[in-house]
């Protein structure tokens, strides 16, 4: 295990992600698994570690709006306004995607879930990588989220390439998840951002 918020740890995470590795890292909501979104090998490793069905969809973390648009995601006016208001922040937006996009291996009904995280580790990471990362909570699929580093180490220490820690993370609401297409908003999960805040934009 390494402390998340120092340059050596970030450099080690960058190296792992560039070499089809799987890391565990803190975010502003929970600890999560991350891998290069373009690497099928790394993605399948995450599925195996979490004992997760391969058909289940992943969240994408991106550096900023520019990176999100470069992935072939279709931002209508409503999605743009919401992203501009709440990114970086705990808002995950599910958007339609181009049929032949570079990340079509991650599509669920030709759409992708994407978010820009304000977490300092994630922000530092994106200064050194030019690809999106998949993100999913660091736990066995269907089981309780793990909140403290010692449990992460005992559960996943032999399977993840790197575990980056920031003490216990608990009590934080998950991101709000919305689907936006044709300027119509559907609330999939209400989390840190309320439904009323979403519709007020």
N, C-alpha and C. Protein backbone atom coordinates (compact mmCIF):
# COMPACT_ATOMS: atom_id res chain seq x y z
N UNK A 1 0.84 -1.19 0.00
CA UNK A 1 0.00 0.00 0.00
C UNK A 1 0.88 1.24 0.00
N UNK A 2 0.39 2.28 -0.66
CA UNK A 2 1.09 3.56 -0.70
C UNK A 2 0.10 4.69 -0.39
N UNK A 3 0.57 5.76 0.25
CA UNK A 3 -0.32 6.91 0.45
C UNK A 3 -0.65 7.54 -0.90
N UNK A 4 -1.92 7.83 -1.12
CA UNK A 4 -2.36 8.26 -2.45
C UNK A 4 -1.78 9.59 -2.89
N UNK A 5 -1.69 10.53 -1.96
CA UNK A 5 -1.46 11.91 -2.38
C UNK A 5 -0.01 12.34 -2.27
N UNK A 6 0.89 11.56 -2.89
CA UNK A 6 2.25 12.05 -3.03
C UNK A 6 2.77 11.70 -4.42
N UNK A 7 3.74 12.42 -4.92
CA UNK A 7 4.18 12.26 -6.32
C UNK A 7 4.66 10.86 -6.66
N UNK A 8 5.36 10.17 -5.75
CA UNK A 8 5.85 8.83 -6.05
C UNK A 8 4.70 7.85 -6.24
N UNK A 9 3.67 8.00 -5.43
CA UNK A 9 2.50 7.12 -5.56
C UNK A 9 1.79 7.36 -6.88
N UNK A 10 1.65 8.62 -7.26
CA UNK A 10 0.98 8.96 -8.51
C UNK A 10 1.78 8.41 -9.69
N UNK A 11 3.11 8.53 -9.62
CA UNK A 11 3.96 7.99 -10.68
C UNK A 11 3.81 6.48 -10.79
N UNK A 12 3.72 5.79 -9.65
CA UNK A 12 3.54 4.34 -9.66
C UNK A 12 2.18 3.97 -10.26
N UNK A 13 1.15 4.75 -9.95
CA UNK A 13 -0.18 4.50 -10.51
C UNK A 13 -0.19 4.70 -12.01
N UNK A 14 0.47 5.74 -12.48
CA UNK A 14 0.55 6.01 -13.92
C UNK A 14 1.22 4.84 -14.63
N UNK A 15 2.33 4.36 -14.08
CA UNK A 15 3.05 3.24 -14.68
C UNK A 15 2.16 2.01 -14.75
N UNK A 16 1.46 1.72 -13.66
CA UNK A 16 0.57 0.55 -13.64
C UNK A 16 -0.52 0.66 -14.69
N UNK A 17 -1.17 1.81 -14.77
CA UNK A 17 -2.27 1.99 -15.73
C UNK A 17 -1.80 1.91 -17.18
N UNK A 18 -0.61 2.39 -17.43
CA UNK A 18 -0.07 2.35 -18.80
C UNK A 18 0.36 0.94 -19.20
N UNK A 19 0.44 0.04 -18.24
CA UNK A 19 0.90 -1.32 -18.51
C UNK A 19 -0.17 -2.36 -18.16
N UNK A 20 -1.41 -2.00 -18.43
CA UNK A 20 -2.56 -2.89 -18.28
C UNK A 20 -2.76 -3.36 -16.84
N UNK A 21 -2.36 -2.49 -15.91
CA UNK A 21 -2.51 -2.81 -14.51
C UNK A 21 -3.87 -2.41 -13.96
N UNK A 22 -4.15 -2.91 -12.76
CA UNK A 22 -5.37 -2.57 -12.02
C UNK A 22 -4.94 -1.95 -10.70
N UNK A 23 -5.48 -0.77 -10.40
CA UNK A 23 -5.15 -0.11 -9.14
C UNK A 23 -6.41 0.07 -8.31
N UNK A 24 -6.21 0.22 -7.01
CA UNK A 24 -7.28 0.63 -6.09
C UNK A 24 -6.91 2.01 -5.58
N UNK A 25 -7.87 2.93 -5.60
CA UNK A 25 -7.56 4.32 -5.30
C UNK A 25 -8.73 4.97 -4.56
N UNK A 26 -8.47 6.06 -3.85
CA UNK A 26 -9.56 6.79 -3.21
C UNK A 26 -10.23 7.73 -4.19
N UNK A 27 -11.51 8.00 -3.96
CA UNK A 27 -12.19 9.10 -4.64
C UNK A 27 -12.90 9.90 -3.55
N UNK A 28 -13.64 10.91 -3.96
CA UNK A 28 -14.37 11.70 -2.97
C UNK A 28 -15.56 10.96 -2.40
N UNK A 29 -15.91 9.80 -2.96
CA UNK A 29 -17.06 9.04 -2.47
C UNK A 29 -16.66 7.70 -1.84
N UNK A 30 -15.88 6.88 -2.54
CA UNK A 30 -15.50 5.55 -2.05
C UNK A 30 -14.11 5.19 -2.59
N UNK A 31 -13.57 4.06 -2.13
CA UNK A 31 -12.41 3.47 -2.79
C UNK A 31 -12.89 2.75 -4.05
N UNK A 32 -12.08 2.83 -5.10
CA UNK A 32 -12.48 2.21 -6.35
C UNK A 32 -11.36 1.48 -7.05
N UNK A 33 -11.73 0.54 -7.90
CA UNK A 33 -10.80 -0.06 -8.86
C UNK A 33 -10.71 0.87 -10.06
N UNK A 34 -9.54 0.93 -10.67
CA UNK A 34 -9.39 1.69 -11.91
C UNK A 34 -8.47 0.94 -12.86
N UNK A 35 -8.71 1.14 -14.15
CA UNK A 35 -7.88 0.55 -15.20
C UNK A 35 -8.04 1.39 -16.46
N UNK A 36 -7.08 1.26 -17.36
CA UNK A 36 -7.13 1.95 -18.65
C UNK A 36 -8.37 1.50 -19.41
N UNK A 37 -9.23 2.43 -19.77
CA UNK A 37 -10.48 2.08 -20.43
C UNK A 37 -10.29 1.47 -21.81
N UNK A 38 -9.11 1.65 -22.40
CA UNK A 38 -8.84 1.07 -23.72
C UNK A 38 -8.29 -0.36 -23.63
N UNK A 39 -7.92 -0.81 -22.44
CA UNK A 39 -7.27 -2.11 -22.27
C UNK A 39 -8.27 -3.19 -21.91
N UNK A 40 -8.58 -4.05 -22.87
CA UNK A 40 -9.50 -5.15 -22.60
C UNK A 40 -8.93 -6.11 -21.56
N UNK A 41 -7.60 -6.28 -21.57
CA UNK A 41 -6.96 -7.16 -20.59
C UNK A 41 -7.20 -6.64 -19.18
N UNK A 42 -6.96 -5.33 -18.98
CA UNK A 42 -7.14 -4.75 -17.65
C UNK A 42 -8.60 -4.77 -17.22
N UNK A 43 -9.50 -4.51 -18.15
CA UNK A 43 -10.93 -4.52 -17.83
C UNK A 43 -11.38 -5.90 -17.40
N UNK A 44 -10.94 -6.94 -18.09
CA UNK A 44 -11.30 -8.31 -17.72
C UNK A 44 -10.70 -8.68 -16.37
N UNK A 45 -9.54 -8.14 -16.05
CA UNK A 45 -8.95 -8.38 -14.73
C UNK A 45 -9.84 -7.80 -13.63
N UNK A 46 -10.37 -6.59 -13.86
CA UNK A 46 -11.27 -5.99 -12.88
C UNK A 46 -12.52 -6.86 -12.72
N UNK A 47 -13.08 -7.31 -13.83
CA UNK A 47 -14.25 -8.20 -13.77
C UNK A 47 -13.96 -9.43 -12.91
N UNK A 48 -12.77 -10.01 -13.11
CA UNK A 48 -12.40 -11.23 -12.38
C UNK A 48 -12.21 -10.95 -10.90
N UNK A 49 -11.52 -9.86 -10.57
CA UNK A 49 -11.25 -9.52 -9.17
C UNK A 49 -12.55 -9.25 -8.42
N UNK A 50 -13.48 -8.54 -9.06
CA UNK A 50 -14.75 -8.19 -8.42
C UNK A 50 -15.77 -9.34 -8.49
N UNK A 51 -15.47 -10.38 -9.27
CA UNK A 51 -16.41 -11.46 -9.53
C UNK A 51 -17.69 -10.87 -10.12
N UNK A 52 -17.46 -10.13 -11.16
CA UNK A 52 -18.48 -9.27 -11.75
C UNK A 52 -18.86 -9.80 -13.12
N UNK A 53 -20.11 -9.70 -13.49
CA UNK A 53 -20.55 -10.13 -14.82
C UNK A 53 -19.97 -9.20 -15.87
N UNK A 54 -19.39 -9.76 -16.91
CA UNK A 54 -18.73 -8.96 -17.94
C UNK A 54 -19.70 -8.01 -18.63
N UNK A 55 -21.00 -8.35 -18.64
CA UNK A 55 -21.97 -7.49 -19.33
C UNK A 55 -22.33 -6.25 -18.52
N UNK A 56 -21.98 -6.21 -17.22
CA UNK A 56 -22.28 -5.04 -16.41
C UNK A 56 -21.48 -3.84 -16.90
N UNK A 57 -22.08 -2.67 -16.85
CA UNK A 57 -21.43 -1.48 -17.39
C UNK A 57 -20.49 -0.84 -16.37
N UNK A 58 -19.53 -0.08 -16.88
CA UNK A 58 -18.57 0.64 -16.06
C UNK A 58 -18.83 2.14 -16.14
N UNK A 59 -18.40 2.82 -15.10
CA UNK A 59 -18.31 4.27 -15.12
C UNK A 59 -16.96 4.66 -15.71
N UNK A 60 -16.94 5.72 -16.51
CA UNK A 60 -15.70 6.28 -17.02
C UNK A 60 -15.35 7.54 -16.25
N UNK A 61 -14.12 7.64 -15.78
CA UNK A 61 -13.61 8.90 -15.26
C UNK A 61 -12.77 9.55 -16.35
N UNK A 62 -13.00 10.82 -16.58
CA UNK A 62 -12.27 11.56 -17.61
C UNK A 62 -11.67 12.83 -17.00
N UNK A 63 -10.70 13.38 -17.70
CA UNK A 63 -10.02 14.57 -17.20
C UNK A 63 -10.95 15.77 -17.15
N UNK A 64 -11.70 15.95 -18.25
CA UNK A 64 -12.52 17.15 -18.39
C UNK A 64 -13.53 16.95 -19.52
N UNK A 65 -14.28 17.99 -19.79
CA UNK A 65 -15.27 17.93 -20.85
C UNK A 65 -14.64 17.62 -22.20
N UNK A 66 -13.48 18.19 -22.45
CA UNK A 66 -12.81 17.96 -23.72
C UNK A 66 -12.52 16.49 -23.95
N UNK A 67 -12.02 15.80 -22.92
CA UNK A 67 -11.75 14.37 -23.07
C UNK A 67 -13.06 13.61 -23.28
N UNK A 68 -14.10 13.98 -22.56
CA UNK A 68 -15.39 13.30 -22.72
C UNK A 68 -15.90 13.43 -24.15
N UNK A 69 -15.82 14.63 -24.71
CA UNK A 69 -16.29 14.84 -26.08
C UNK A 69 -15.45 14.06 -27.09
N UNK A 70 -14.15 13.90 -26.81
CA UNK A 70 -13.27 13.19 -27.75
C UNK A 70 -13.59 11.70 -27.83
N UNK A 71 -14.38 11.21 -26.89
CA UNK A 71 -14.72 9.78 -26.86
C UNK A 71 -15.97 9.46 -27.68
N UNK A 72 -16.52 10.47 -28.34
CA UNK A 72 -17.70 10.24 -29.16
C UNK A 72 -19.00 10.26 -28.39
N UNK A 73 -18.98 10.86 -27.20
CA UNK A 73 -20.21 10.99 -26.42
C UNK A 73 -21.03 12.17 -26.93
N UNK A 74 -22.32 12.02 -26.96
CA UNK A 74 -23.20 13.03 -27.55
C UNK A 74 -23.81 13.91 -26.46
N UNK A 75 -23.27 15.10 -26.31
CA UNK A 75 -23.77 16.07 -25.34
C UNK A 75 -24.81 16.96 -26.01
N UNK A 76 -26.06 16.85 -25.58
CA UNK A 76 -27.05 17.83 -26.04
C UNK A 76 -26.96 19.05 -25.12
N UNK A 77 -27.80 20.05 -25.34
CA UNK A 77 -27.71 21.28 -24.57
C UNK A 77 -27.93 21.02 -23.08
N UNK A 78 -28.88 20.16 -22.76
CA UNK A 78 -29.16 19.86 -21.35
C UNK A 78 -27.96 19.19 -20.68
N UNK A 79 -27.36 18.23 -21.36
CA UNK A 79 -26.18 17.55 -20.80
C UNK A 79 -25.02 18.52 -20.62
N UNK A 80 -24.84 19.42 -21.58
CA UNK A 80 -23.77 20.41 -21.47
C UNK A 80 -23.97 21.30 -20.25
N UNK A 81 -25.19 21.76 -20.06
CA UNK A 81 -25.48 22.64 -18.92
C UNK A 81 -25.23 21.92 -17.59
N UNK A 82 -25.64 20.67 -17.51
CA UNK A 82 -25.45 19.91 -16.28
C UNK A 82 -23.97 19.65 -16.00
N UNK A 83 -23.23 19.30 -17.05
CA UNK A 83 -21.80 19.06 -16.88
C UNK A 83 -21.08 20.34 -16.47
N UNK A 84 -21.43 21.43 -17.10
CA UNK A 84 -20.80 22.71 -16.76
C UNK A 84 -21.11 23.13 -15.33
N UNK A 85 -22.30 22.78 -14.86
CA UNK A 85 -22.70 23.16 -13.50
C UNK A 85 -22.07 22.26 -12.44
N UNK A 86 -21.99 20.96 -12.69
CA UNK A 86 -21.63 20.02 -11.62
C UNK A 86 -20.28 19.33 -11.77
N UNK A 87 -19.59 19.50 -12.89
CA UNK A 87 -18.25 18.91 -13.05
C UNK A 87 -17.17 19.95 -12.79
N UNK A 88 -16.09 19.57 -12.10
CA UNK A 88 -15.88 18.30 -11.42
C UNK A 88 -16.82 18.17 -10.23
N UNK A 89 -17.32 16.95 -10.02
CA UNK A 89 -18.23 16.75 -8.91
C UNK A 89 -18.94 15.42 -8.99
N UNK A 90 -19.80 15.13 -8.02
CA UNK A 90 -20.44 13.81 -7.90
C UNK A 90 -21.67 13.64 -8.79
N UNK A 91 -21.50 13.93 -10.07
CA UNK A 91 -22.58 13.71 -11.04
C UNK A 91 -22.08 12.81 -12.16
N UNK A 92 -22.70 11.65 -12.29
CA UNK A 92 -22.42 10.73 -13.38
C UNK A 92 -23.51 10.90 -14.42
N UNK A 93 -23.10 11.14 -15.67
CA UNK A 93 -24.07 11.35 -16.75
C UNK A 93 -23.94 10.19 -17.75
N UNK A 94 -25.05 9.51 -18.00
CA UNK A 94 -25.09 8.46 -19.02
C UNK A 94 -25.52 9.13 -20.32
N UNK A 95 -24.67 8.99 -21.34
CA UNK A 95 -24.89 9.70 -22.60
C UNK A 95 -24.88 8.74 -23.78
N UNK A 96 -25.62 9.05 -24.84
CA UNK A 96 -25.52 8.28 -26.07
C UNK A 96 -24.11 8.41 -26.64
N UNK A 97 -23.66 7.36 -27.32
CA UNK A 97 -22.31 7.36 -27.88
C UNK A 97 -22.35 6.94 -29.35
N UNK A 98 -21.34 7.38 -30.09
CA UNK A 98 -21.24 7.01 -31.50
C UNK A 98 -21.13 5.49 -31.63
N UNK A 99 -21.81 4.94 -32.61
CA UNK A 99 -21.88 3.48 -32.75
C UNK A 99 -20.52 2.83 -32.92
N UNK A 100 -19.61 3.48 -33.61
CA UNK A 100 -18.29 2.89 -33.87
C UNK A 100 -17.21 3.59 -33.05
N UNK A 101 -17.55 4.03 -31.85
CA UNK A 101 -16.60 4.73 -31.01
C UNK A 101 -15.48 3.83 -30.52
N UNK A 102 -14.38 4.47 -30.08
CA UNK A 102 -13.19 3.73 -29.64
C UNK A 102 -13.45 2.92 -28.38
N UNK A 103 -14.51 3.24 -27.66
CA UNK A 103 -14.82 2.53 -26.42
C UNK A 103 -16.10 1.69 -26.55
N UNK A 104 -16.38 1.24 -27.78
CA UNK A 104 -17.61 0.48 -28.01
C UNK A 104 -17.64 -0.82 -27.21
N UNK A 105 -16.47 -1.32 -26.80
CA UNK A 105 -16.42 -2.53 -25.98
C UNK A 105 -17.01 -2.31 -24.58
N UNK A 106 -17.23 -1.04 -24.22
CA UNK A 106 -17.81 -0.71 -22.91
C UNK A 106 -19.27 -0.29 -23.00
N UNK A 107 -19.81 -0.22 -24.21
CA UNK A 107 -21.15 0.32 -24.38
C UNK A 107 -22.21 -0.54 -23.69
N UNK A 108 -23.22 0.15 -23.17
CA UNK A 108 -24.45 -0.49 -22.73
C UNK A 108 -25.58 0.22 -23.47
N UNK A 109 -26.21 -0.46 -24.42
CA UNK A 109 -27.23 0.16 -25.27
C UNK A 109 -26.69 1.41 -25.95
N UNK A 110 -25.47 1.32 -26.47
CA UNK A 110 -24.83 2.43 -27.18
C UNK A 110 -24.75 3.70 -26.33
N UNK A 111 -24.45 3.52 -25.06
CA UNK A 111 -24.28 4.66 -24.18
C UNK A 111 -23.14 4.38 -23.20
N UNK A 112 -22.64 5.46 -22.60
CA UNK A 112 -21.57 5.36 -21.61
C UNK A 112 -21.87 6.29 -20.44
N UNK A 113 -21.48 5.86 -19.25
CA UNK A 113 -21.59 6.69 -18.05
C UNK A 113 -20.25 7.37 -17.80
N UNK A 114 -20.28 8.68 -17.58
CA UNK A 114 -19.03 9.43 -17.50
C UNK A 114 -19.11 10.47 -16.38
N UNK A 115 -17.93 10.75 -15.78
CA UNK A 115 -17.87 11.72 -14.69
C UNK A 115 -16.49 12.35 -14.65
N UNK A 116 -16.43 13.59 -14.19
CA UNK A 116 -15.17 14.27 -13.89
C UNK A 116 -15.09 14.40 -12.38
N UNK A 117 -14.08 13.78 -11.79
CA UNK A 117 -13.95 13.75 -10.33
C UNK A 117 -13.12 14.93 -9.83
N UNK A 118 -13.54 15.53 -8.70
CA UNK A 118 -12.75 16.60 -8.10
C UNK A 118 -11.67 16.07 -7.15
N UNK A 119 -11.60 14.75 -6.98
CA UNK A 119 -10.65 14.20 -6.02
C UNK A 119 -9.21 14.56 -6.41
N UNK A 120 -8.39 14.99 -5.45
CA UNK A 120 -7.02 15.43 -5.77
C UNK A 120 -6.15 14.34 -6.39
N UNK A 121 -6.35 13.08 -5.99
CA UNK A 121 -5.57 12.01 -6.60
C UNK A 121 -5.93 11.85 -8.07
N UNK A 122 -7.22 11.84 -8.37
CA UNK A 122 -7.66 11.67 -9.75
C UNK A 122 -7.20 12.84 -10.61
N UNK A 123 -7.31 14.03 -10.07
CA UNK A 123 -6.86 15.22 -10.81
C UNK A 123 -5.37 15.15 -11.10
N UNK A 124 -4.58 14.72 -10.11
CA UNK A 124 -3.14 14.59 -10.31
C UNK A 124 -2.83 13.50 -11.33
N UNK A 125 -3.57 12.40 -11.28
CA UNK A 125 -3.36 11.28 -12.21
C UNK A 125 -3.54 11.74 -13.65
N UNK A 126 -4.58 12.54 -13.90
CA UNK A 126 -4.87 12.96 -15.27
C UNK A 126 -3.88 13.98 -15.82
N UNK A 127 -3.00 14.47 -15.00
CA UNK A 127 -1.92 15.31 -15.51
C UNK A 127 -0.87 14.48 -16.23
N UNK A 128 -0.92 13.15 -16.03
CA UNK A 128 0.13 12.28 -16.57
C UNK A 128 -0.40 11.20 -17.51
N UNK A 129 -1.70 11.11 -17.70
CA UNK A 129 -2.25 10.13 -18.64
C UNK A 129 -3.19 10.85 -19.60
N UNK A 130 -3.31 10.28 -20.80
CA UNK A 130 -4.15 10.90 -21.82
C UNK A 130 -5.28 9.97 -22.26
N UNK A 131 -5.68 9.08 -21.35
CA UNK A 131 -6.77 8.14 -21.66
C UNK A 131 -7.75 8.12 -20.48
N UNK A 132 -9.01 7.80 -20.75
CA UNK A 132 -9.99 7.67 -19.67
C UNK A 132 -9.73 6.40 -18.88
N UNK A 133 -10.24 6.35 -17.66
CA UNK A 133 -10.12 5.14 -16.86
C UNK A 133 -11.51 4.65 -16.46
N UNK A 134 -11.64 3.32 -16.41
CA UNK A 134 -12.87 2.76 -15.87
C UNK A 134 -12.79 2.86 -14.35
N UNK A 135 -13.93 3.00 -13.72
CA UNK A 135 -13.97 3.10 -12.27
C UNK A 135 -15.16 2.31 -11.76
N UNK A 136 -14.93 1.56 -10.69
CA UNK A 136 -16.00 0.81 -10.04
C UNK A 136 -15.60 0.60 -8.60
N UNK A 137 -16.55 0.52 -7.71
CA UNK A 137 -16.24 0.44 -6.29
C UNK A 137 -15.37 -0.78 -5.97
N UNK A 138 -14.48 -0.61 -5.00
CA UNK A 138 -13.53 -1.66 -4.63
C UNK A 138 -14.18 -2.63 -3.64
N UNK A 139 -14.89 -3.59 -4.19
CA UNK A 139 -15.54 -4.62 -3.39
C UNK A 139 -15.90 -5.78 -4.32
N UNK A 140 -16.23 -6.92 -3.73
CA UNK A 140 -16.78 -8.02 -4.51
C UNK A 140 -18.19 -7.62 -4.93
N UNK A 141 -18.52 -7.89 -6.18
CA UNK A 141 -19.81 -7.47 -6.71
C UNK A 141 -20.96 -7.98 -5.83
N UNK A 142 -21.83 -7.03 -5.43
CA UNK A 142 -22.98 -7.37 -4.61
C UNK A 142 -22.72 -7.33 -3.13
N UNK A 143 -21.46 -7.17 -2.72
CA UNK A 143 -21.12 -7.10 -1.31
C UNK A 143 -20.92 -5.65 -0.87
N UNK A 144 -20.77 -5.45 0.43
CA UNK A 144 -20.66 -4.11 0.98
C UNK A 144 -19.37 -3.44 0.53
N UNK A 145 -19.44 -2.13 0.32
CA UNK A 145 -18.25 -1.36 -0.06
C UNK A 145 -17.24 -1.38 1.07
N UNK A 146 -15.96 -1.54 0.73
CA UNK A 146 -14.89 -1.56 1.72
C UNK A 146 -14.41 -0.13 1.96
N UNK A 147 -14.34 0.25 3.23
CA UNK A 147 -14.07 1.66 3.56
C UNK A 147 -12.69 1.92 4.12
N UNK A 148 -11.95 0.86 4.50
CA UNK A 148 -10.67 1.11 5.14
C UNK A 148 -9.54 0.28 4.49
N UNK A 149 -8.31 0.83 4.49
CA UNK A 149 -7.19 0.25 3.73
C UNK A 149 -6.82 -1.18 4.12
N UNK A 150 -6.83 -1.50 5.41
CA UNK A 150 -6.41 -2.84 5.84
C UNK A 150 -7.28 -3.93 5.22
N UNK A 151 -8.56 -3.67 5.12
CA UNK A 151 -9.47 -4.64 4.50
C UNK A 151 -9.21 -4.74 3.00
N UNK A 152 -8.92 -3.62 2.36
CA UNK A 152 -8.57 -3.64 0.94
C UNK A 152 -7.34 -4.51 0.71
N UNK A 153 -6.34 -4.35 1.59
CA UNK A 153 -5.11 -5.11 1.45
C UNK A 153 -5.36 -6.61 1.62
N UNK A 154 -6.12 -6.97 2.64
CA UNK A 154 -6.36 -8.40 2.89
C UNK A 154 -7.23 -9.03 1.81
N UNK A 155 -8.15 -8.23 1.26
CA UNK A 155 -9.09 -8.76 0.25
C UNK A 155 -8.47 -8.81 -1.14
N UNK A 156 -7.72 -7.76 -1.50
CA UNK A 156 -7.29 -7.61 -2.90
C UNK A 156 -5.79 -7.41 -3.09
N UNK A 157 -5.02 -7.49 -2.00
CA UNK A 157 -3.59 -7.21 -2.08
C UNK A 157 -2.82 -8.07 -3.06
N UNK A 158 -3.27 -9.31 -3.25
CA UNK A 158 -2.57 -10.21 -4.16
C UNK A 158 -3.06 -10.11 -5.60
N UNK A 159 -4.14 -9.35 -5.81
CA UNK A 159 -4.73 -9.30 -7.15
C UNK A 159 -4.54 -7.93 -7.83
N UNK A 160 -4.64 -6.87 -7.05
CA UNK A 160 -4.43 -5.52 -7.60
C UNK A 160 -2.94 -5.24 -7.70
N UNK A 161 -2.53 -4.47 -8.69
CA UNK A 161 -1.12 -4.13 -8.85
C UNK A 161 -0.67 -3.07 -7.84
N UNK A 162 -1.62 -2.26 -7.39
CA UNK A 162 -1.27 -1.15 -6.51
C UNK A 162 -2.50 -0.74 -5.70
N UNK A 163 -2.30 -0.52 -4.40
CA UNK A 163 -3.37 0.00 -3.55
C UNK A 163 -2.90 1.34 -2.99
N UNK A 164 -3.67 2.39 -3.30
CA UNK A 164 -3.34 3.74 -2.85
C UNK A 164 -4.36 4.16 -1.80
N UNK A 165 -3.90 4.62 -0.66
CA UNK A 165 -4.79 4.81 0.47
C UNK A 165 -4.83 6.25 0.96
N UNK A 166 -5.97 6.54 1.63
CA UNK A 166 -6.16 7.84 2.27
C UNK A 166 -7.00 7.65 3.54
N UNK A 167 -6.67 6.62 4.29
CA UNK A 167 -7.42 6.36 5.51
C UNK A 167 -8.80 5.83 5.23
N UNK A 168 -9.65 5.87 6.25
CA UNK A 168 -11.01 5.37 6.12
C UNK A 168 -11.88 6.37 5.37
N UNK A 169 -12.64 5.86 4.40
CA UNK A 169 -13.59 6.68 3.65
C UNK A 169 -14.98 6.13 3.94
N UNK A 170 -15.78 6.90 4.67
CA UNK A 170 -17.14 6.44 4.96
C UNK A 170 -18.07 7.63 5.13
N UNK A 171 -19.33 7.37 4.94
CA UNK A 171 -20.34 8.39 5.18
C UNK A 171 -20.55 9.35 4.02
N UNK A 172 -19.79 9.18 2.93
CA UNK A 172 -19.96 10.06 1.78
C UNK A 172 -21.04 9.50 0.85
N UNK A 173 -21.91 10.35 0.41
CA UNK A 173 -22.95 9.91 -0.53
C UNK A 173 -22.32 9.58 -1.88
N UNK A 174 -22.84 8.58 -2.58
CA UNK A 174 -22.33 8.28 -3.92
C UNK A 174 -22.75 9.36 -4.91
N UNK A 175 -22.18 9.28 -6.09
CA UNK A 175 -22.55 10.25 -7.12
C UNK A 175 -24.01 10.04 -7.53
N UNK A 176 -24.65 11.12 -7.91
CA UNK A 176 -25.97 11.04 -8.54
C UNK A 176 -25.77 10.58 -9.98
N UNK A 177 -26.60 9.65 -10.43
CA UNK A 177 -26.51 9.14 -11.80
C UNK A 177 -27.75 9.56 -12.57
N UNK A 178 -27.53 10.17 -13.72
CA UNK A 178 -28.64 10.57 -14.58
C UNK A 178 -28.39 10.10 -16.00
N UNK A 179 -29.47 9.90 -16.73
CA UNK A 179 -29.40 9.60 -18.17
C UNK A 179 -29.95 10.82 -18.90
N UNK A 180 -29.20 11.30 -19.89
CA UNK A 180 -29.64 12.46 -20.66
C UNK A 180 -29.55 12.15 -22.15
N UNK A 181 -30.67 12.28 -22.83
CA UNK A 181 -30.72 12.11 -24.29
C UNK A 181 -31.88 12.92 -24.83
N UNK A 182 -31.65 13.58 -25.94
CA UNK A 182 -32.69 14.41 -26.56
C UNK A 182 -33.23 15.45 -25.58
N UNK A 183 -32.33 15.96 -24.73
CA UNK A 183 -32.66 16.98 -23.73
C UNK A 183 -33.67 16.51 -22.69
N UNK A 184 -33.80 15.20 -22.53
CA UNK A 184 -34.67 14.63 -21.50
C UNK A 184 -33.81 14.00 -20.41
N UNK A 185 -34.08 14.36 -19.16
CA UNK A 185 -33.33 13.85 -18.01
C UNK A 185 -34.10 12.72 -17.35
N UNK A 186 -33.39 11.63 -17.05
CA UNK A 186 -33.95 10.55 -16.25
C UNK A 186 -33.03 10.33 -15.05
N UNK A 187 -33.56 10.42 -13.84
CA UNK A 187 -32.77 10.18 -12.64
C UNK A 187 -32.64 8.67 -12.44
N UNK A 188 -31.42 8.17 -12.50
CA UNK A 188 -31.18 6.74 -12.30
C UNK A 188 -30.91 6.44 -10.83
N UNK A 189 -30.13 7.30 -10.18
CA UNK A 189 -29.86 7.17 -8.75
C UNK A 189 -29.62 8.55 -8.16
N UNK A 190 -30.40 8.90 -7.15
CA UNK A 190 -30.17 10.17 -6.47
C UNK A 190 -29.10 9.97 -5.41
N UNK A 191 -28.07 10.81 -5.47
CA UNK A 191 -26.96 10.70 -4.52
C UNK A 191 -26.62 12.05 -3.93
N UNK A 192 -25.35 12.44 -4.09
CA UNK A 192 -24.87 13.67 -3.47
C UNK A 192 -25.55 14.93 -4.02
N UNK A 193 -26.02 14.86 -5.25
CA UNK A 193 -26.74 15.99 -5.86
C UNK A 193 -28.21 15.61 -5.93
N UNK A 194 -29.07 16.46 -5.40
CA UNK A 194 -30.48 16.12 -5.30
C UNK A 194 -31.19 16.26 -6.64
N UNK A 195 -32.34 15.60 -6.73
CA UNK A 195 -33.16 15.70 -7.94
C UNK A 195 -33.55 17.15 -8.21
N UNK A 196 -33.88 17.88 -7.15
CA UNK A 196 -34.28 19.27 -7.33
C UNK A 196 -33.14 20.14 -7.87
N UNK A 197 -31.92 19.84 -7.45
CA UNK A 197 -30.76 20.57 -7.98
C UNK A 197 -30.56 20.27 -9.45
N UNK A 198 -30.78 19.02 -9.83
CA UNK A 198 -30.63 18.64 -11.24
C UNK A 198 -31.62 19.41 -12.11
N UNK A 199 -32.88 19.40 -11.70
CA UNK A 199 -33.91 20.03 -12.54
C UNK A 199 -33.90 21.55 -12.46
N UNK A 200 -33.14 22.08 -11.52
CA UNK A 200 -33.03 23.54 -11.42
C UNK A 200 -32.06 24.14 -12.44
N UNK A 201 -31.27 23.30 -13.07
CA UNK A 201 -30.27 23.79 -14.04
C UNK A 201 -30.96 24.19 -15.34
